[in-house]
Amino acid sequence: MTLGLVSCVFCFSCYGAFLGLPCSMAGIIISEVAARDIQKNKAHPSSITFVYAGRVCGLLGFAINMLMIIYLILFWMNGPLISV
């Protein structure tokens, strides 16, 4: 869950989307491993809520980071997309 939250924080910093993307992917992978451990009775079932929260934060961070990376690439190619 921590990696998912870190990826959400990184996506709003300057060029932090490139740091947040690996954090979100790691959070998604770790939540999948934890879910398998719970299914195999290697971990306590009460921690499933943290697994779901980590998965949601990781997926949300992944989506936002990808949008930020696309925006940054378009910004580098064409200049600012939003004029103030």
Protein backbone atom coordinates (compact mmCIF):
# COMPACT_ATOMS: atom_id res chain seq x y z
CA MET A 1 0.00 0.00 0.00
CA THR A 2 2.89 2.33 0.76
CA LEU A 3 4.34 2.05 -2.74
CA GLY A 4 0.97 2.88 -4.28
CA LEU A 5 0.65 5.98 -2.13
CA VAL A 6 4.21 7.03 -2.94
CA SER A 7 3.48 6.69 -6.66
CA CYS A 8 0.40 8.90 -6.29
CA VAL A 9 2.48 11.56 -4.55
CA PHE A 10 5.28 11.39 -7.12
CA CYS A 11 2.95 11.87 -10.06
CA PHE A 12 2.17 15.46 -9.09
CA SER A 13 5.78 16.54 -8.63
CA CYS A 14 7.95 17.90 -11.40
CA TYR A 15 9.00 14.93 -13.55
CA GLY A 16 8.14 12.64 -10.64
CA ALA A 17 5.97 10.53 -12.91
CA PHE A 18 9.11 8.76 -14.04
CA LEU A 19 9.78 7.82 -10.39
CA GLY A 20 6.18 7.03 -9.57
CA LEU A 21 5.70 4.54 -12.39
CA PRO A 22 8.14 1.93 -11.01
CA CYS A 23 6.70 2.43 -7.52
CA SER A 24 3.17 1.79 -8.75
CA MET A 25 4.21 -1.32 -10.70
CA ALA A 26 6.04 -2.66 -7.65
CA GLY A 27 2.98 -1.96 -5.48
CA ILE A 28 0.73 -3.88 -7.88
CA ILE A 29 3.10 -6.85 -7.99
CA ILE A 30 3.54 -6.94 -4.21
CA SER A 31 -0.23 -6.80 -3.67
CA GLU A 32 -0.69 -9.75 -6.05
CA VAL A 33 1.95 -11.76 -4.15
CA ALA A 34 0.30 -10.89 -0.84
CA ALA A 35 -3.12 -11.95 -2.16
CA ARG A 36 -1.68 -15.33 -3.19
CA ASP A 37 -0.12 -15.74 0.26
CA ILE A 38 -3.49 -15.10 1.88
CA GLN A 39 -5.18 -17.64 -0.40
CA LYS A 40 -2.54 -20.23 0.47
CA ASN A 41 -3.00 -19.49 4.23
CA LYS A 42 0.56 -18.18 4.54
CA ALA A 43 -0.69 -14.79 5.76
CA HIS A 44 -3.51 -13.72 8.06
CA PRO A 45 -6.83 -13.20 6.24
CA SER A 46 -7.51 -9.92 8.03
CA SER A 47 -4.81 -8.23 5.95
CA ILE A 48 -6.82 -8.62 2.74
CA THR A 49 -8.14 -5.05 3.10
CA PHE A 50 -4.57 -3.74 2.95
CA VAL A 51 -3.96 -5.87 -0.12
CA TYR A 52 -6.98 -4.38 -1.86
CA ALA A 53 -5.99 -0.87 -0.81
CA GLY A 54 -2.47 -1.42 -2.13
CA ARG A 55 -3.79 -2.74 -5.42
CA VAL A 56 -6.16 0.20 -5.86
CA CYS A 57 -3.47 2.76 -4.96
CA GLY A 58 -1.01 1.06 -7.31
CA LEU A 59 -3.47 0.98 -10.20
CA LEU A 60 -4.54 4.57 -9.59
CA GLY A 61 -0.92 5.69 -9.37
CA PHE A 62 -0.08 3.79 -12.54
CA ALA A 63 -2.92 5.41 -14.48
CA ILE A 64 -2.14 8.93 -13.26
CA ASN A 65 1.59 8.50 -13.86
CA MET A 66 0.99 7.28 -17.40
CA LEU A 67 -1.22 10.30 -18.10
CA MET A 68 1.44 12.61 -16.69
CA ILE A 69 4.15 10.97 -18.81
CA ILE A 70 2.01 11.35 -21.94
CA TYR A 71 1.40 15.00 -21.05
CA LEU A 72 5.12 15.61 -20.47
CA ILE A 73 6.03 14.01 -23.79
CA LEU A 74 3.47 16.15 -25.60
CA PHE A 75 4.71 19.21 -23.71
CA TRP A 76 8.29 18.55 -24.80
CA MET A 77 7.20 18.09 -28.41
CA ASN A 78 4.71 20.95 -28.79
CA GLY A 79 5.06 23.35 -25.89
CA PRO A 80 2.43 23.83 -23.18
CA LEU A 81 -1.01 22.35 -23.86
CA ILE A 82 -2.80 24.54 -21.33
CA SER A 83 -2.40 28.30 -21.66
CA VAL A 84 -3.00 30.39 -18.60
